[in-house]
């Protein structure tokens, strides 16, 4: 009887351990599925916006060769997390403009928004050094928490504090370009809450490249 009790306790302990392991595994799967759902939703939302209500309506760069337009407006994609549209791509003389490369020192004027699958509004803005954007914030009566500056941001590509997704999309742009860069949370701030940007937020940066050295 004594041996039987010991065996039963051992058996029960093993069952409890197995159940706990399964619970932990299921919780992990649930978290991963939630993360995957958010990411997939952002990827889908960005692409639907760029190919739908975005003005002009865009096609993915891979489809440019099959387009019937002489100058098809397109976006470039890195994986499924970084999307870039260069509004000035077909401007006359652009091929001669200085190109942004790794190690280039550039000056940019920018406005950054939380992206909610639609054209961003003033209420979505979380950072800018653009005078017009700052005026829009003030006219909307929104609180300006920081000391906003209208000085161009000067950075060295590959050595700056910008998120890597933003730097990736800036490479290949040129001095004088006007660029839109859309990032899922994976390519932006991840699960961190940064300033006015909630955890797991997709963002879009509107960038004018003032100079390239």
N, C-alpha and C. Protein backbone atom coordinates (compact mmCIF):
# COMPACT_ATOMS: atom_id res chain seq x y z
N UNK A 1 0.83 -1.20 0.00
CA UNK A 1 0.00 0.00 0.00
C UNK A 1 0.86 1.25 0.00
N UNK A 2 1.91 1.23 0.73
CA UNK A 2 2.84 2.35 0.81
C UNK A 2 3.48 2.62 -0.55
N UNK A 3 3.90 1.55 -1.21
CA UNK A 3 4.51 1.70 -2.53
C UNK A 3 3.49 2.24 -3.53
N UNK A 4 2.24 1.80 -3.36
CA UNK A 4 1.17 2.24 -4.26
C UNK A 4 0.95 3.74 -4.11
N UNK A 5 0.95 4.25 -2.89
CA UNK A 5 0.76 5.67 -2.64
C UNK A 5 1.87 6.49 -3.27
N UNK A 6 3.09 6.01 -3.13
CA UNK A 6 4.24 6.70 -3.72
C UNK A 6 4.10 6.75 -5.23
N UNK A 7 3.68 5.62 -5.81
CA UNK A 7 3.52 5.56 -7.27
C UNK A 7 2.44 6.52 -7.73
N UNK A 8 1.33 6.59 -6.95
CA UNK A 8 0.24 7.49 -7.33
C UNK A 8 0.68 8.95 -7.27
N UNK A 9 1.45 9.29 -6.21
CA UNK A 9 1.93 10.67 -6.10
C UNK A 9 2.85 11.01 -7.26
N UNK A 10 3.69 10.07 -7.62
CA UNK A 10 4.62 10.27 -8.73
C UNK A 10 3.85 10.46 -10.04
N UNK A 11 2.80 9.63 -10.19
CA UNK A 11 1.98 9.67 -11.40
C UNK A 11 1.25 11.01 -11.50
N UNK A 12 0.65 11.45 -10.38
CA UNK A 12 -0.08 12.72 -10.36
C UNK A 12 0.85 13.90 -10.65
N UNK A 13 2.05 13.84 -10.04
CA UNK A 13 3.01 14.92 -10.25
C UNK A 13 3.39 15.03 -11.73
N UNK A 14 3.55 13.90 -12.38
CA UNK A 14 3.89 13.90 -13.80
C UNK A 14 2.75 14.47 -14.64
N UNK A 15 1.52 14.09 -14.29
CA UNK A 15 0.36 14.59 -15.02
C UNK A 15 0.27 16.11 -14.89
N UNK A 16 0.47 16.62 -13.66
CA UNK A 16 0.42 18.06 -13.42
C UNK A 16 1.48 18.78 -14.25
N UNK A 17 2.69 18.21 -14.28
CA UNK A 17 3.79 18.81 -15.04
C UNK A 17 3.44 18.88 -16.52
N UNK A 18 2.85 17.81 -17.03
CA UNK A 18 2.48 17.77 -18.45
C UNK A 18 1.41 18.81 -18.76
N UNK A 19 0.41 18.89 -17.87
CA UNK A 19 -0.67 19.86 -18.07
C UNK A 19 -0.12 21.29 -18.08
N UNK A 20 0.77 21.60 -17.12
CA UNK A 20 1.35 22.93 -17.04
C UNK A 20 2.15 23.25 -18.30
N UNK A 21 2.89 22.27 -18.79
CA UNK A 21 3.68 22.48 -20.01
C UNK A 21 2.78 22.79 -21.20
N UNK A 22 1.66 22.06 -21.29
CA UNK A 22 0.71 22.30 -22.38
C UNK A 22 0.11 23.69 -22.28
N UNK A 23 -0.25 24.11 -21.05
CA UNK A 23 -0.81 25.44 -20.85
C UNK A 23 0.16 26.52 -21.29
N UNK A 24 1.42 26.40 -20.87
CA UNK A 24 2.45 27.37 -21.25
C UNK A 24 2.60 27.41 -22.76
N UNK A 25 2.61 26.23 -23.39
CA UNK A 25 2.77 26.16 -24.84
C UNK A 25 1.60 26.85 -25.54
N UNK A 26 0.37 26.60 -25.05
CA UNK A 26 -0.81 27.20 -25.66
C UNK A 26 -0.82 28.72 -25.49
N UNK A 27 -0.38 29.18 -24.32
CA UNK A 27 -0.29 30.62 -24.11
C UNK A 27 0.71 31.24 -25.07
N UNK A 28 1.83 30.55 -25.28
CA UNK A 28 2.83 31.05 -26.22
C UNK A 28 2.30 31.11 -27.62
N UNK A 29 1.58 30.06 -28.02
CA UNK A 29 0.98 30.04 -29.36
C UNK A 29 -0.03 31.16 -29.50
N UNK A 30 -0.82 31.40 -28.45
CA UNK A 30 -1.80 32.47 -28.48
C UNK A 30 -1.15 33.82 -28.69
N UNK A 31 -0.06 34.07 -27.97
CA UNK A 31 0.66 35.35 -28.12
C UNK A 31 1.23 35.49 -29.51
N UNK A 32 1.84 34.40 -30.01
CA UNK A 32 2.42 34.44 -31.34
C UNK A 32 1.36 34.67 -32.39
N UNK A 33 0.20 34.00 -32.23
CA UNK A 33 -0.88 34.18 -33.19
C UNK A 33 -1.39 35.61 -33.18
N UNK A 34 -1.47 36.21 -31.97
CA UNK A 34 -1.91 37.59 -31.86
C UNK A 34 -0.94 38.51 -32.58
N UNK A 35 0.37 38.29 -32.35
CA UNK A 35 1.40 39.09 -33.01
C UNK A 35 1.32 38.92 -34.52
N UNK A 36 1.17 37.68 -34.98
CA UNK A 36 1.08 37.42 -36.41
C UNK A 36 -0.14 38.10 -37.01
N UNK A 37 -1.25 38.12 -36.28
CA UNK A 37 -2.47 38.75 -36.77
C UNK A 37 -2.28 40.24 -36.93
N UNK A 38 -1.67 40.90 -35.96
CA UNK A 38 -1.42 42.34 -36.03
C UNK A 38 -0.50 42.64 -37.21
N UNK A 39 0.56 41.89 -37.35
CA UNK A 39 1.53 42.12 -38.42
C UNK A 39 0.90 41.91 -39.79
N UNK A 40 0.18 40.82 -39.94
CA UNK A 40 -0.48 40.53 -41.21
C UNK A 40 -1.49 41.62 -41.56
N UNK A 41 -2.22 42.08 -40.54
CA UNK A 41 -3.20 43.15 -40.76
C UNK A 41 -2.52 44.43 -41.24
N UNK A 42 -1.37 44.76 -40.66
CA UNK A 42 -0.65 45.96 -41.07
C UNK A 42 -0.10 45.82 -42.49
N UNK A 43 0.46 44.67 -42.80
CA UNK A 43 0.97 44.44 -44.15
C UNK A 43 -0.14 44.58 -45.19
N UNK A 44 -1.27 43.95 -44.90
CA UNK A 44 -2.42 44.01 -45.82
C UNK A 44 -2.94 45.43 -45.93
N UNK A 45 -3.02 46.12 -44.79
CA UNK A 45 -3.54 47.49 -44.78
C UNK A 45 -2.69 48.45 -45.59
N UNK A 46 -1.37 48.33 -45.46
CA UNK A 46 -0.47 49.20 -46.22
C UNK A 46 -0.62 48.95 -47.71
N UNK A 47 -0.61 47.70 -48.12
CA UNK A 47 -0.69 47.38 -49.54
C UNK A 47 -2.04 47.78 -50.13
N UNK A 48 -3.11 47.56 -49.39
CA UNK A 48 -4.43 47.96 -49.89
C UNK A 48 -4.52 49.47 -50.05
N UNK A 49 -3.94 50.19 -49.12
CA UNK A 49 -3.96 51.65 -49.22
C UNK A 49 -3.15 52.13 -50.43
N UNK A 50 -1.94 51.61 -50.59
CA UNK A 50 -1.08 52.06 -51.69
C UNK A 50 -1.67 51.75 -53.06
N UNK A 51 -2.33 50.61 -53.16
CA UNK A 51 -2.89 50.20 -54.45
C UNK A 51 -4.36 50.61 -54.61
N UNK A 52 -4.93 51.24 -53.58
CA UNK A 52 -6.34 51.62 -53.61
C UNK A 52 -6.56 53.11 -53.52
N UNK A 53 -6.71 53.61 -52.29
CA UNK A 53 -7.10 55.02 -52.10
C UNK A 53 -5.93 56.00 -52.12
N UNK A 54 -4.70 55.51 -52.13
CA UNK A 54 -3.54 56.41 -52.22
C UNK A 54 -3.61 57.20 -53.52
N UNK A 55 -3.25 58.47 -53.43
CA UNK A 55 -3.18 59.30 -54.63
C UNK A 55 -1.74 59.72 -54.90
N UNK A 56 -1.17 59.31 -56.05
CA UNK A 56 -1.80 58.48 -57.08
C UNK A 56 -1.85 57.01 -56.65
N UNK A 57 -2.70 56.25 -57.30
CA UNK A 57 -2.77 54.82 -57.03
C UNK A 57 -1.47 54.18 -57.54
N UNK A 58 -0.93 53.27 -56.74
CA UNK A 58 0.39 52.71 -57.05
C UNK A 58 0.31 51.23 -57.42
N UNK A 59 1.35 50.78 -58.12
CA UNK A 59 1.55 49.35 -58.35
C UNK A 59 2.87 48.96 -57.71
N UNK A 60 3.05 47.69 -57.43
CA UNK A 60 4.32 47.24 -56.86
C UNK A 60 5.39 47.29 -57.95
N UNK A 61 6.61 47.57 -57.57
CA UNK A 61 7.70 47.75 -58.54
C UNK A 61 7.85 46.54 -59.47
N UNK A 62 7.60 45.34 -58.96
CA UNK A 62 7.74 44.13 -59.77
C UNK A 62 6.82 44.14 -60.99
N UNK A 63 5.74 44.93 -60.94
CA UNK A 63 4.77 44.96 -62.05
C UNK A 63 5.00 46.10 -63.03
N UNK A 64 6.04 46.91 -62.79
CA UNK A 64 6.29 48.06 -63.65
C UNK A 64 6.52 47.64 -65.10
N UNK A 65 7.28 46.56 -65.31
CA UNK A 65 7.61 46.12 -66.67
C UNK A 65 6.37 45.75 -67.47
N UNK A 66 5.31 45.35 -66.79
CA UNK A 66 4.08 44.93 -67.47
C UNK A 66 3.06 46.06 -67.59
N UNK A 67 3.39 47.24 -67.07
CA UNK A 67 2.44 48.34 -67.08
C UNK A 67 2.35 48.97 -68.47
N UNK A 68 1.15 49.45 -68.82
CA UNK A 68 0.94 50.12 -70.10
C UNK A 68 1.23 51.61 -70.01
N UNK A 69 1.44 52.12 -68.80
CA UNK A 69 1.76 53.53 -68.59
C UNK A 69 3.21 53.82 -68.94
N UNK A 70 3.47 55.00 -69.47
CA UNK A 70 4.84 55.40 -69.77
C UNK A 70 5.63 55.64 -68.49
N UNK A 71 4.96 56.18 -67.49
CA UNK A 71 5.60 56.48 -66.21
C UNK A 71 4.72 55.94 -65.08
N UNK A 72 4.70 54.65 -64.92
CA UNK A 72 3.83 54.05 -63.88
C UNK A 72 4.29 54.44 -62.47
N UNK A 73 3.35 54.87 -61.66
CA UNK A 73 3.66 55.21 -60.28
C UNK A 73 3.70 53.91 -59.47
N UNK A 74 4.79 53.71 -58.74
CA UNK A 74 4.98 52.41 -58.08
C UNK A 74 5.59 52.58 -56.70
N UNK A 75 5.47 51.50 -55.93
CA UNK A 75 6.15 51.45 -54.63
C UNK A 75 7.13 50.28 -54.63
N UNK A 76 8.18 50.44 -53.86
CA UNK A 76 9.20 49.40 -53.68
C UNK A 76 8.96 48.76 -52.33
N UNK A 77 9.20 47.46 -52.26
CA UNK A 77 8.92 46.72 -51.03
C UNK A 77 10.14 45.91 -50.63
N UNK A 78 10.49 45.96 -49.34
CA UNK A 78 11.53 45.10 -48.78
C UNK A 78 10.82 44.11 -47.86
N UNK A 79 10.82 42.84 -48.25
CA UNK A 79 10.07 41.86 -47.49
C UNK A 79 8.61 42.26 -47.47
N UNK A 80 8.00 42.18 -46.29
CA UNK A 80 6.60 42.59 -46.14
C UNK A 80 6.45 43.64 -45.05
N UNK A 81 7.55 44.34 -44.74
CA UNK A 81 7.52 45.28 -43.62
C UNK A 81 7.95 46.70 -43.98
N UNK A 82 8.59 46.90 -45.14
CA UNK A 82 9.09 48.21 -45.53
C UNK A 82 8.57 48.53 -46.94
N UNK A 83 7.91 49.69 -47.08
CA UNK A 83 7.34 50.10 -48.37
C UNK A 83 7.74 51.55 -48.64
N UNK A 84 8.16 51.82 -49.88
CA UNK A 84 8.62 53.18 -50.21
C UNK A 84 8.03 53.66 -51.54
N UNK A 85 7.56 54.89 -51.53
CA UNK A 85 7.10 55.54 -52.76
C UNK A 85 7.89 56.83 -52.94
N UNK A 86 8.51 56.99 -54.10
CA UNK A 86 9.26 58.20 -54.42
C UNK A 86 8.42 59.04 -55.38
N UNK A 87 7.86 60.13 -54.88
CA UNK A 87 6.96 60.96 -55.68
C UNK A 87 7.69 61.67 -56.81
N UNK A 88 8.99 61.87 -56.64
CA UNK A 88 9.78 62.63 -57.62
C UNK A 88 10.57 61.72 -58.57
N UNK A 89 10.21 60.44 -58.59
CA UNK A 89 11.01 59.45 -59.33
C UNK A 89 11.20 59.83 -60.80
N UNK A 90 10.19 60.40 -61.42
CA UNK A 90 10.26 60.70 -62.85
C UNK A 90 10.61 62.16 -63.13
N UNK A 91 11.04 62.89 -62.13
CA UNK A 91 11.40 64.29 -62.35
C UNK A 91 12.59 64.40 -63.30
N UNK A 92 12.54 65.42 -64.13
CA UNK A 92 13.60 65.63 -65.11
C UNK A 92 14.94 65.87 -64.41
N UNK A 93 15.97 65.17 -64.87
CA UNK A 93 17.32 65.35 -64.33
C UNK A 93 17.60 64.58 -63.06
N UNK A 94 16.62 63.80 -62.58
CA UNK A 94 16.79 63.11 -61.30
C UNK A 94 17.99 62.18 -61.31
N UNK A 95 18.28 61.55 -62.42
CA UNK A 95 19.41 60.61 -62.47
C UNK A 95 20.73 61.27 -62.11
N UNK A 96 20.79 62.60 -62.23
CA UNK A 96 22.02 63.31 -61.90
C UNK A 96 22.07 63.82 -60.48
N UNK A 97 20.98 63.63 -59.74
CA UNK A 97 20.96 64.08 -58.34
C UNK A 97 21.80 63.13 -57.49
N UNK A 98 22.43 63.67 -56.45
CA UNK A 98 23.27 62.84 -55.56
C UNK A 98 22.44 61.76 -54.89
N UNK A 99 22.98 60.54 -54.86
CA UNK A 99 22.26 59.38 -54.33
C UNK A 99 22.62 59.11 -52.88
N UNK A 100 21.62 58.68 -52.13
CA UNK A 100 21.83 58.30 -50.72
C UNK A 100 22.37 56.89 -50.67
N UNK A 101 23.51 56.74 -50.02
CA UNK A 101 24.13 55.43 -49.84
C UNK A 101 24.45 55.23 -48.37
N UNK A 102 24.84 54.02 -48.02
CA UNK A 102 25.29 53.77 -46.65
C UNK A 102 26.52 54.63 -46.40
N UNK A 103 26.51 55.40 -45.33
CA UNK A 103 27.62 56.30 -45.01
C UNK A 103 27.38 57.73 -45.48
N UNK A 104 26.34 57.96 -46.30
CA UNK A 104 26.03 59.32 -46.75
C UNK A 104 25.53 60.15 -45.57
N UNK A 105 25.94 61.40 -45.53
CA UNK A 105 25.39 62.34 -44.57
C UNK A 105 24.31 63.14 -45.29
N UNK A 106 23.11 63.09 -44.75
CA UNK A 106 21.99 63.74 -45.42
C UNK A 106 21.25 64.65 -44.46
N UNK A 107 20.53 65.61 -45.04
CA UNK A 107 19.64 66.48 -44.28
C UNK A 107 18.23 66.24 -44.78
N UNK A 108 17.29 66.05 -43.84
CA UNK A 108 15.92 65.76 -44.22
C UNK A 108 14.93 66.63 -43.46
N UNK A 109 13.84 66.95 -44.14
CA UNK A 109 12.68 67.55 -43.50
C UNK A 109 11.60 66.47 -43.53
N UNK A 110 10.96 66.23 -42.42
CA UNK A 110 10.07 65.07 -42.33
C UNK A 110 8.82 65.37 -41.49
N UNK A 111 7.81 64.57 -41.74
CA UNK A 111 6.64 64.50 -40.86
C UNK A 111 6.28 63.04 -40.72
N UNK A 112 6.13 62.56 -39.49
CA UNK A 112 5.86 61.15 -39.23
C UNK A 112 4.49 60.98 -38.58
N UNK A 113 3.78 59.94 -39.03
CA UNK A 113 2.43 59.68 -38.56
C UNK A 113 2.28 58.22 -38.14
N UNK A 114 1.38 57.97 -37.20
CA UNK A 114 0.89 56.62 -36.98
C UNK A 114 0.00 56.28 -38.17
N UNK A 115 0.18 55.10 -38.74
CA UNK A 115 -0.58 54.74 -39.94
C UNK A 115 -1.73 53.82 -39.58
N UNK A 116 -2.94 54.24 -39.99
CA UNK A 116 -4.16 53.49 -39.67
C UNK A 116 -4.90 53.06 -40.94
N UNK A 117 -4.14 52.64 -41.95
CA UNK A 117 -4.72 52.11 -43.20
C UNK A 117 -5.47 53.14 -44.02
N UNK A 118 -5.16 54.41 -43.83
CA UNK A 118 -5.80 55.48 -44.59
C UNK A 118 -4.84 56.67 -44.65
N UNK A 119 -5.19 57.65 -45.45
CA UNK A 119 -4.35 58.85 -45.53
C UNK A 119 -4.21 59.45 -44.13
N UNK A 120 -3.00 59.71 -43.68
CA UNK A 120 -2.82 60.21 -42.31
C UNK A 120 -3.38 61.61 -42.12
N UNK A 121 -3.80 61.89 -40.91
CA UNK A 121 -4.35 63.20 -40.55
C UNK A 121 -3.45 63.87 -39.53
N UNK A 122 -3.76 65.11 -39.23
CA UNK A 122 -2.99 65.85 -38.23
C UNK A 122 -3.01 65.13 -36.89
N UNK A 123 -4.13 64.51 -36.56
CA UNK A 123 -4.26 63.81 -35.28
C UNK A 123 -3.33 62.60 -35.20
N UNK A 124 -2.88 62.07 -36.34
CA UNK A 124 -1.99 60.91 -36.37
C UNK A 124 -0.52 61.29 -36.26
N UNK A 125 -0.21 62.60 -36.34
CA UNK A 125 1.17 63.06 -36.38
C UNK A 125 1.85 62.87 -35.03
N UNK A 126 3.10 62.35 -35.06
CA UNK A 126 3.82 62.21 -33.79
C UNK A 126 5.20 62.84 -33.79
N UNK A 127 5.69 63.27 -34.95
CA UNK A 127 7.00 63.94 -34.99
C UNK A 127 7.13 64.69 -36.31
N UNK A 128 7.77 65.85 -36.26
CA UNK A 128 7.99 66.62 -37.48
C UNK A 128 9.02 67.72 -37.24
N UNK A 129 9.67 68.13 -38.31
CA UNK A 129 10.48 69.36 -38.28
C UNK A 129 10.09 70.25 -39.46
N UNK A 130 8.89 69.99 -39.98
CA UNK A 130 8.37 70.74 -41.12
C UNK A 130 7.49 71.89 -40.62
N UNK A 131 7.81 73.11 -41.03
CA UNK A 131 7.12 74.30 -40.53
C UNK A 131 5.62 74.24 -40.83
N UNK A 132 5.26 73.78 -42.02
CA UNK A 132 3.84 73.70 -42.39
C UNK A 132 3.09 72.71 -41.51
N UNK A 133 3.73 71.59 -41.21
CA UNK A 133 3.09 70.59 -40.35
C UNK A 133 2.91 71.11 -38.93
N UNK A 134 3.89 71.85 -38.43
CA UNK A 134 3.79 72.43 -37.09
C UNK A 134 2.64 73.43 -37.02
N UNK A 135 2.50 74.23 -38.08
CA UNK A 135 1.39 75.18 -38.15
C UNK A 135 0.06 74.46 -38.12
N UNK A 136 -0.06 73.34 -38.85
CA UNK A 136 -1.30 72.56 -38.86
C UNK A 136 -1.62 72.03 -37.46
N UNK A 137 -0.59 71.60 -36.73
CA UNK A 137 -0.80 71.13 -35.37
C UNK A 137 -1.36 72.25 -34.49
N UNK A 138 -0.78 73.42 -34.61
CA UNK A 138 -1.22 74.55 -33.80
C UNK A 138 -2.64 74.99 -34.17
N UNK A 139 -2.94 74.99 -35.47
CA UNK A 139 -4.27 75.39 -35.92
C UNK A 139 -5.34 74.41 -35.46
N UNK A 140 -4.95 73.14 -35.31
CA UNK A 140 -5.89 72.12 -34.86
C UNK A 140 -6.08 72.16 -33.35
N UNK A 141 -5.29 73.00 -32.67
CA UNK A 141 -5.42 73.14 -31.23
C UNK A 141 -4.84 71.97 -30.47
N UNK A 142 -3.97 71.20 -31.12
CA UNK A 142 -3.37 70.04 -30.46
C UNK A 142 -2.17 70.47 -29.63
N UNK A 143 -1.98 69.78 -28.52
CA UNK A 143 -0.85 70.09 -27.65
C UNK A 143 0.45 69.71 -28.33
N UNK A 144 1.41 70.60 -28.26
CA UNK A 144 2.75 70.32 -28.78
C UNK A 144 3.64 70.08 -27.57
N UNK A 145 3.94 68.81 -27.32
CA UNK A 145 4.65 68.45 -26.09
C UNK A 145 6.13 68.77 -26.14
N UNK A 146 6.69 68.80 -27.33
CA UNK A 146 8.14 68.90 -27.44
C UNK A 146 8.53 70.26 -28.01
N UNK A 147 9.81 70.55 -27.92
CA UNK A 147 10.35 71.75 -28.53
C UNK A 147 10.55 71.47 -30.02
N UNK A 148 9.51 71.69 -30.82
CA UNK A 148 9.59 71.41 -32.25
C UNK A 148 10.59 72.35 -32.90
N UNK A 149 11.40 71.83 -33.79
CA UNK A 149 12.37 72.64 -34.52
C UNK A 149 12.08 72.54 -36.00
N UNK A 150 12.41 73.58 -36.74
CA UNK A 150 12.25 73.55 -38.18
C UNK A 150 13.59 73.39 -38.88
N UNK A 151 14.62 73.09 -38.11
CA UNK A 151 15.93 72.82 -38.71
C UNK A 151 15.92 71.44 -39.34
N UNK A 152 16.48 71.28 -40.55
CA UNK A 152 16.57 69.94 -41.14
C UNK A 152 17.32 68.97 -40.23
N UNK A 153 16.87 67.74 -40.18
CA UNK A 153 17.58 66.71 -39.41
C UNK A 153 18.79 66.24 -40.21
N UNK A 154 19.93 66.25 -39.58
CA UNK A 154 21.17 65.84 -40.24
C UNK A 154 21.59 64.48 -39.68
N UNK A 155 21.71 63.49 -40.54
CA UNK A 155 22.06 62.13 -40.11
C UNK A 155 23.07 61.53 -41.06
N UNK A 156 23.80 60.54 -40.55
CA UNK A 156 24.68 59.73 -41.39
C UNK A 156 24.04 58.36 -41.51
N UNK A 157 23.70 57.96 -42.71
CA UNK A 157 22.98 56.71 -42.94
C UNK A 157 23.83 55.52 -42.51
N UNK A 158 23.26 54.70 -41.66
CA UNK A 158 23.97 53.55 -41.12
C UNK A 158 24.57 53.82 -39.76
N UNK A 159 24.56 55.11 -39.34
CA UNK A 159 25.15 55.47 -38.05
C UNK A 159 24.19 56.31 -37.21
N UNK A 160 22.97 56.47 -37.67
CA UNK A 160 22.02 57.34 -36.97
C UNK A 160 21.18 56.56 -35.97
N UNK A 161 20.35 57.30 -35.25
CA UNK A 161 19.45 56.68 -34.27
C UNK A 161 18.09 56.36 -34.89
N UNK A 162 17.94 56.57 -36.19
CA UNK A 162 16.69 56.25 -36.85
C UNK A 162 16.47 54.74 -36.86
N UNK A 163 15.21 54.34 -36.93
CA UNK A 163 14.93 52.91 -37.00
C UNK A 163 15.51 52.36 -38.30
N UNK A 164 15.95 51.12 -38.26
CA UNK A 164 16.65 50.54 -39.40
C UNK A 164 15.77 50.48 -40.66
N UNK A 165 14.47 50.27 -40.48
CA UNK A 165 13.59 50.21 -41.63
C UNK A 165 13.57 51.52 -42.41
N UNK A 166 13.65 52.63 -41.69
CA UNK A 166 13.66 53.94 -42.32
C UNK A 166 14.96 54.14 -43.10
N UNK A 167 16.08 53.76 -42.51
CA UNK A 167 17.36 53.90 -43.19
C UNK A 167 17.41 53.01 -44.44
N UNK A 168 16.87 51.82 -44.34
CA UNK A 168 16.84 50.92 -45.49
C UNK A 168 16.13 51.58 -46.66
N UNK A 169 15.00 52.21 -46.40
CA UNK A 169 14.20 52.81 -47.47
C UNK A 169 14.82 54.10 -48.00
N UNK A 170 15.64 54.77 -47.21
CA UNK A 170 16.28 56.00 -47.68
C UNK A 170 17.40 55.72 -48.67
N UNK A 171 18.03 54.58 -48.55
CA UNK A 171 19.12 54.24 -49.48
C UNK A 171 18.57 54.11 -50.89
N UNK A 172 19.25 54.73 -51.83
CA UNK A 172 18.80 54.70 -53.22
C UNK A 172 17.97 55.91 -53.59
N UNK A 173 17.51 56.66 -52.58
CA UNK A 173 16.84 57.93 -52.86
C UNK A 173 17.90 58.96 -53.26
N UNK A 174 17.45 60.13 -53.70
CA UNK A 174 18.39 61.14 -54.17
C UNK A 174 18.07 62.51 -53.57
N UNK A 175 19.09 63.35 -53.58
CA UNK A 175 18.89 64.72 -53.10
C UNK A 175 17.77 65.38 -53.90
N UNK A 176 16.81 65.96 -53.20
CA UNK A 176 15.67 66.59 -53.87
C UNK A 176 14.44 65.71 -53.91
N UNK A 177 14.58 64.44 -53.53
CA UNK A 177 13.44 63.52 -53.56
C UNK A 177 12.42 63.83 -52.47
N UNK A 178 11.15 63.59 -52.80
CA UNK A 178 10.07 63.56 -51.82
C UNK A 178 9.63 62.10 -51.72
N UNK A 179 9.66 61.57 -50.50
CA UNK A 179 9.52 60.13 -50.30
C UNK A 179 8.48 59.85 -49.23
N UNK A 180 7.71 58.78 -49.43
CA UNK A 180 6.83 58.25 -48.40
C UNK A 180 7.34 56.87 -48.02
N UNK A 181 7.53 56.64 -46.72
CA UNK A 181 8.05 55.36 -46.23
C UNK A 181 7.08 54.79 -45.21
N UNK A 182 6.53 53.62 -45.53
CA UNK A 182 5.55 52.94 -44.68
C UNK A 182 6.23 51.75 -44.00
N UNK A 183 6.06 51.64 -42.70
CA UNK A 183 6.71 50.59 -41.93
C UNK A 183 5.69 49.88 -41.04
N UNK A 184 5.71 48.55 -41.07
CA UNK A 184 4.95 47.81 -40.05
C UNK A 184 5.69 47.97 -38.73
N UNK A 185 5.04 47.55 -37.66
CA UNK A 185 5.69 47.72 -36.36
C UNK A 185 7.01 46.96 -36.26
N UNK A 186 7.14 45.85 -37.01
CA UNK A 186 8.38 45.07 -37.00
C UNK A 186 9.55 45.89 -37.53
N UNK A 187 9.31 46.75 -38.51
CA UNK A 187 10.37 47.56 -39.10
C UNK A 187 10.48 48.93 -38.44
N UNK A 188 9.54 49.23 -37.53
CA UNK A 188 9.54 50.53 -36.86
C UNK A 188 9.98 50.40 -35.41
N UNK A 189 9.04 50.50 -34.46
CA UNK A 189 9.40 50.53 -33.05
C UNK A 189 9.07 49.25 -32.30
N UNK A 190 8.66 48.21 -33.04
CA UNK A 190 8.39 46.93 -32.40
C UNK A 190 7.27 47.02 -31.38
N UNK A 191 7.46 46.34 -30.26
CA UNK A 191 6.44 46.30 -29.21
C UNK A 191 6.61 47.44 -28.20
N UNK A 192 7.55 48.34 -28.45
CA UNK A 192 7.82 49.42 -27.52
C UNK A 192 6.83 50.57 -27.69
N UNK A 193 6.55 51.25 -26.60
CA UNK A 193 5.76 52.48 -26.62
C UNK A 193 6.76 53.62 -26.69
N UNK A 194 6.77 54.35 -27.81
CA UNK A 194 7.77 55.39 -28.02
C UNK A 194 7.07 56.74 -28.19
N UNK A 195 7.24 57.64 -27.21
CA UNK A 195 6.59 58.94 -27.29
C UNK A 195 5.09 58.79 -27.42
N UNK A 196 4.54 59.30 -28.51
CA UNK A 196 3.09 59.21 -28.75
C UNK A 196 2.71 57.96 -29.54
N UNK A 197 3.69 57.13 -29.85
CA UNK A 197 3.43 55.96 -30.69
C UNK A 197 3.16 54.74 -29.82
N UNK A 198 1.95 54.18 -29.88
CA UNK A 198 1.63 53.00 -29.07
C UNK A 198 2.42 51.77 -29.53
N UNK A 199 2.44 50.77 -28.67
CA UNK A 199 3.09 49.51 -29.00
C UNK A 199 2.48 48.91 -30.27
N UNK A 200 3.32 48.27 -31.06
CA UNK A 200 2.90 47.56 -32.29
C UNK A 200 2.18 48.48 -33.28
N UNK A 201 2.71 49.67 -33.49
CA UNK A 201 2.08 50.61 -34.42
C UNK A 201 2.79 50.62 -35.77
N UNK A 202 2.01 50.61 -36.84
CA UNK A 202 2.55 50.89 -38.17
C UNK A 202 2.70 52.40 -38.28
N UNK A 203 3.71 52.85 -39.02
CA UNK A 203 3.95 54.29 -39.15
C UNK A 203 4.25 54.63 -40.60
N UNK A 204 4.12 55.92 -40.92
CA UNK A 204 4.53 56.41 -42.24
C UNK A 204 5.30 57.71 -42.04
N UNK A 205 6.41 57.82 -42.77
CA UNK A 205 7.24 59.03 -42.74
C UNK A 205 7.18 59.68 -44.12
N UNK A 206 6.86 60.97 -44.15
CA UNK A 206 6.95 61.77 -45.37
C UNK A 206 8.27 62.55 -45.28
N UNK A 207 9.17 62.29 -46.20
CA UNK A 207 10.52 62.82 -46.10
C UNK A 207 10.90 63.60 -47.36
N UNK A 208 11.40 64.80 -47.18
CA UNK A 208 12.04 65.57 -48.26
C UNK A 208 13.54 65.54 -48.00
N UNK A 209 14.31 65.07 -48.98
CA UNK A 209 15.76 64.97 -48.82
C UNK A 209 16.37 66.28 -49.31
N UNK A 210 16.85 67.09 -48.37
CA UNK A 210 17.33 68.43 -48.67
C UNK A 210 18.73 68.39 -49.26
N UNK A 211 19.59 67.57 -48.71
CA UNK A 211 20.97 67.50 -49.21
C UNK A 211 21.56 66.13 -48.96
N UNK A 212 22.54 65.77 -49.78
CA UNK A 212 23.26 64.50 -49.65
C UNK A 212 24.75 64.80 -49.82
N UNK A 213 25.53 64.34 -48.87
CA UNK A 213 26.99 64.51 -48.95
C UNK A 213 27.63 63.12 -49.04
